[in-house]
Amino acid sequence: MRVSLLLALSHLSTAVWAGGYQGCLERLWLFEAYEIGALNPEMDQTLGMKCNKWNAATKQGNVAWTPCRAKGGGRCNFNEFMFFLGRVPQRNGWSVYTNGRLNVERTAENCYRIFASQPNMNPRNPVPNFRPDTTMKGVWEYNDYIMEISQKFNDAWWKKKNDNNKHLWEDFDNTREKIDVARTGDHGPYVISAARNALGGTITIHTQKLGNNPATGGVWETVDWKGTANQARASGVANAEARIRNFLDDWYCGDQDDLDHKNARSHH
């Protein structure tokens, strides 16, 4: 199994999606997967397909699946793909190209600006989510969607990758890494605040910067758990590692009935 598959499963599988800049990155990541999917026979392609009528009770499409098609026929470019996903304020103007190739970071920034400039947009989540069944054949839940993408394109890497198309997987992995940083950075303020509230009486919470959000310019920051644990140990704090582990278990795992940190867990 490729390392990127393991990382995709561990970092992208979550209870819900998150909007903002990372939401735009996730649309680009999906498009890159769609591009890789074109290497498979048409009968085996599942990405870029929308269920015309979904049965929420059975979690099955009731009628034929409609593929994303370019205006003149054939497969969609990124502008067409964005419109196909739905819940977008305009049909064109999403893509930014550099030397003939889609520039992921600049396109994600442009995507964020378009969504964030709309009247009545949600300031906490300006980039709306889309349902998996509107873009991938045979899936309903988000985690199933992530698993399916990761497995299919891990398989394609073994069977289809060559010197002429290896850049497709490089782009796919690079965008996944950007999503990982964006998710961690956007989640940072929640976990920093909670860690200081829960542990700050005796343990100094150290932070680390992850760079800047390219879309907003804001600084991404999260807890430096290794530095925090090392400093606590050096300061003679009793059971520091166990206390940190208990906090993390409660914060991220909590019981199903534990609502204390539900919103923050869902955000991550």
Foldseek 3Di string as FASTA:
>chain_A
DDPLLVLLLVQVDAQDDAAALLVLLVLVLLVLLQVLLVLDPPVPRFFQWAQPDADPVVRARPDDIDHQADPVGDHDDSLSSVVLQDPFPDRDDQFDDDPRHTDSLVSSLRRNVRQVPDPPADPRHSGDDGAPNSTGHPDGGPSVSSNVSSVVVVVCCVPPDDPVCVVSVVVSSVSSVVSSLVLQQVLAVVQVVVCCVQPVVQFDWAKDWSQADSNPRHTRMHTPVVVRQVVSVVVPPPPSVVSVVVSVCCQQPNDPPDPPNVVSNNSD
